């Protein structure tokens, strides 16, 4: 027999008695205040036919999409309850694949922000379905999906699901390069994790926008204080279908089977392992900590002799990017730092762990004031999604793909050697060599100079003085606060030129 529910907001509601969010909403507010309808021709969700329910509740419309009508209604009801300040605790009898943030986080996420996050996630899934039709079937399997969204609004108060948003880049992938394939000419992609590849795609997008600016075509860029900037009416948002590997994921709550997780804040925030730098494992999955400075030293001949190639975790790389900007060192010659306005995460979302991993590790006294002009410790919005993809227990694919706005089809690469999956093992359009070519072209066009034509790749990077100084400051801060040393690839891999 169902228990009578409290009508006082912030009172925990248990679904353990078998009642769904739809039943609870009806009991508290009455069926006359809950009007449901279904939207025809809903886009596919994770490759399956889907249904979108629309709930009109107390003058506000909530939408939810799932693989059947019952779950879609439950999602809309869950959103409506959250909008009224209810803490919804899901246990084993709750519908599968419904994910809800913890009470301490639920009340900090405004309904329009949650709807915005859900819309971005849905756009990413739809774009993946569209693009995956252009790659071979065995290359479509994904464990991690990342998408970059350009949104025509920078004010958090106006982030709405019906706003003007566009997917500008999409990537899949979970592995890193094998040590024997490390490249001396910059033609191999070292890190094929989706959330790392996406930054390289954004860089390609920005080069395209620079060319559009030169050609006096419509662009998202403007010139301010002698450098190119993203126009103030635009913002960039990152979606990842699971928490980034490393510090953001390692301590996050686990999920059992298809049951959506119940997320709790960190009960042990001061443990010494929190915030530690971690590295990915060559030819494997997961991350391990850096136990001593000697582990951060990689040599070319050592790797050729069998030393394991170690690559910094996605959490660590995102943290660094959150200070240095998405544009990277080369674009910093003529562009101000560009940052994510929000990071939206599907599975294993925990605000406490994600915020520590992404920016709080560097939010220490004095750091902001020591950074060069234009750089900052960015604080993006961190948002969960209402429906998270179920955990994949299959082995990670040996392929990944990338797509940038303007590309006709996605490009598939092999993760083991970081090259295009064709008969010639061609270089990827997002490898260092390809991006260096774009830089040299733009530098010559914008500055009328051949200054870097005969220079090596690393020389062009280090010539971006402010960027280089900011990067050194970050590395020093990690060491100063006992978080470990940043593992650098052998310098030889950046000692190439295009002449």
Foldseek 3Di string as FASTA:
>chain_A
DDDQDDLDAADEDECVVVDFLVRNLCRNPNPVQWDKDWDPPDFDDPNADKIKMWIRGPNDIFIAMDRDPVVRVRLRSVLVSLQRRHAYDYDDSYDFQFADEGSVVSVVQHSQNQQLLQLVVSVQRRVLVVQLVVDDPLQSDAQKKKWKKKFQAQDPVPRGSPGDMDTFKMKGDFAAAQLVQQDLAQQFDGDRHGLVLRLLLVLVVVLVQLVCVVVVHDHQWDDDPQFIEGPNRMAMEMEMLAFFADQLFPPFDDDDFRHHDHGDADPCCPDPQHLAKWWAWHPDGGTDGDPDPVSLDDASVCSVVPDTDTHTTPLQVLQLCLFLASNAQLSLVGHAHGHHQEYEYEGRDHPNRSQSSNAVLQPDPPLQVPADPRTGRHRHHYYYHRGHDTRDPDDGRQKMWMDGPPDPHIFIAGNHNRAGPDPVSGGDCSTLNNSVVSSQVSCCVVVVDNVCQVPFQVVSRVVSPSSVVSSVSVQVSCVVVPNDGHRDYHPSSRGHHPD
